[in-house]
Amino acid sequence: MTLKDLKPGQEGTVIGIGEKGPMRRRIMDMGVTPGVLVKVVKVAPLGDPIEVNIRGYELSLRKDEAKQIEVK
């Protein structure tokens, strides 16, 4: 399951970030690392971007970024 699949109000623990390279580094620099709890706060009407709460702050991710983040 990926972060993109979660609905508002649902939460999960990050188990991996799929893509290698600059996109992965950027996502990890924003605090999305394996083992961290992430909660979906809201999704824009057309599904992009997705707002999540992670490590006590709100973060907006595009759908293509969210589908790279595996959660359980």
Protein backbone atom coordinates (compact mmCIF):
# COMPACT_ATOMS: atom_id res chain seq x y z
CA MET A 1 0.00 0.00 0.00
CA THR A 2 1.24 3.50 -0.74
CA LEU A 3 0.60 6.87 0.87
CA LYS A 4 -1.52 7.80 -2.14
CA ASP A 5 -3.98 4.99 -1.25
CA LEU A 6 -4.78 6.34 2.24
CA LYS A 7 -7.95 8.38 2.77
CA PRO A 8 -8.20 11.51 4.95
CA GLY A 9 -8.03 10.56 8.63
CA GLN A 10 -6.12 7.34 7.99
CA GLU A 11 -2.54 6.87 9.10
CA GLY A 12 0.29 4.48 8.49
CA THR A 13 3.94 3.84 9.17
CA VAL A 14 6.42 4.44 6.37
CA ILE A 15 8.19 1.19 5.44
CA GLY A 16 10.07 2.35 2.35
CA ILE A 17 10.56 4.93 -0.36
CA GLY A 18 10.57 3.39 -3.81
CA GLU A 19 12.43 5.64 -6.20
CA LYS A 20 16.19 6.14 -6.07
CA GLY A 21 17.97 9.40 -6.82
CA PRO A 22 17.05 13.06 -6.30
CA MET A 23 13.32 12.43 -5.71
CA ARG A 24 14.07 9.98 -2.88
CA ARG A 25 16.61 12.36 -1.34
CA ARG A 26 14.11 15.25 -1.48
CA ILE A 27 11.37 13.19 0.17
CA MET A 28 13.74 12.04 2.91
CA ASP A 29 14.98 15.61 3.49
CA MET A 30 11.37 16.59 4.21
CA GLY A 31 11.31 14.09 7.10
CA VAL A 32 9.69 11.11 5.40
CA THR A 33 11.91 8.25 6.53
CA PRO A 34 11.21 4.56 7.24
CA GLY A 35 9.55 4.00 10.62
CA VAL A 36 7.87 7.41 10.92
CA LEU A 37 4.09 7.72 11.45
CA VAL A 38 2.24 9.70 8.78
CA LYS A 39 -1.44 10.77 8.82
CA VAL A 40 -3.40 12.02 5.81
CA VAL A 41 -5.09 15.30 6.77
CA LYS A 42 -6.84 16.18 3.50
CA VAL A 43 -6.78 15.61 -0.23
CA ALA A 44 -7.42 18.33 -2.82
CA PRO A 45 -10.67 17.99 -4.81
CA LEU A 46 -8.88 16.60 -7.88
CA GLY A 47 -6.59 14.44 -5.74
CA ASP A 48 -3.42 16.51 -6.08
CA PRO A 49 -1.79 17.53 -3.72
CA ILE A 50 -2.21 15.42 -0.59
CA GLU A 51 -1.68 17.09 2.81
CA VAL A 52 -0.15 14.90 5.51
CA ASN A 53 0.89 15.38 9.12
CA ILE A 54 4.36 14.05 9.78
CA ARG A 55 6.66 14.71 12.74
CA GLY A 56 4.30 17.42 14.01
CA TYR A 57 4.03 19.52 10.85
CA GLU A 58 1.84 19.63 7.76
CA LEU A 59 3.42 18.60 4.46
CA SER A 60 1.88 18.73 0.99
CA LEU A 61 2.94 16.05 -1.47
CA ARG A 62 2.03 15.56 -5.11
CA LYS A 63 0.40 12.27 -6.13
CA ASP A 64 3.53 11.06 -7.94
CA GLU A 65 5.59 11.64 -4.77
CA ALA A 66 2.98 9.98 -2.52
CA LYS A 67 2.82 6.84 -4.65
CA GLN A 68 6.57 6.32 -4.09
CA ILE A 69 6.08 6.07 -0.30
CA GLU A 70 5.14 2.60 0.96
CA VAL A 71 3.14 2.45 4.21
CA LYS A 72 1.61 -0.27 6.37
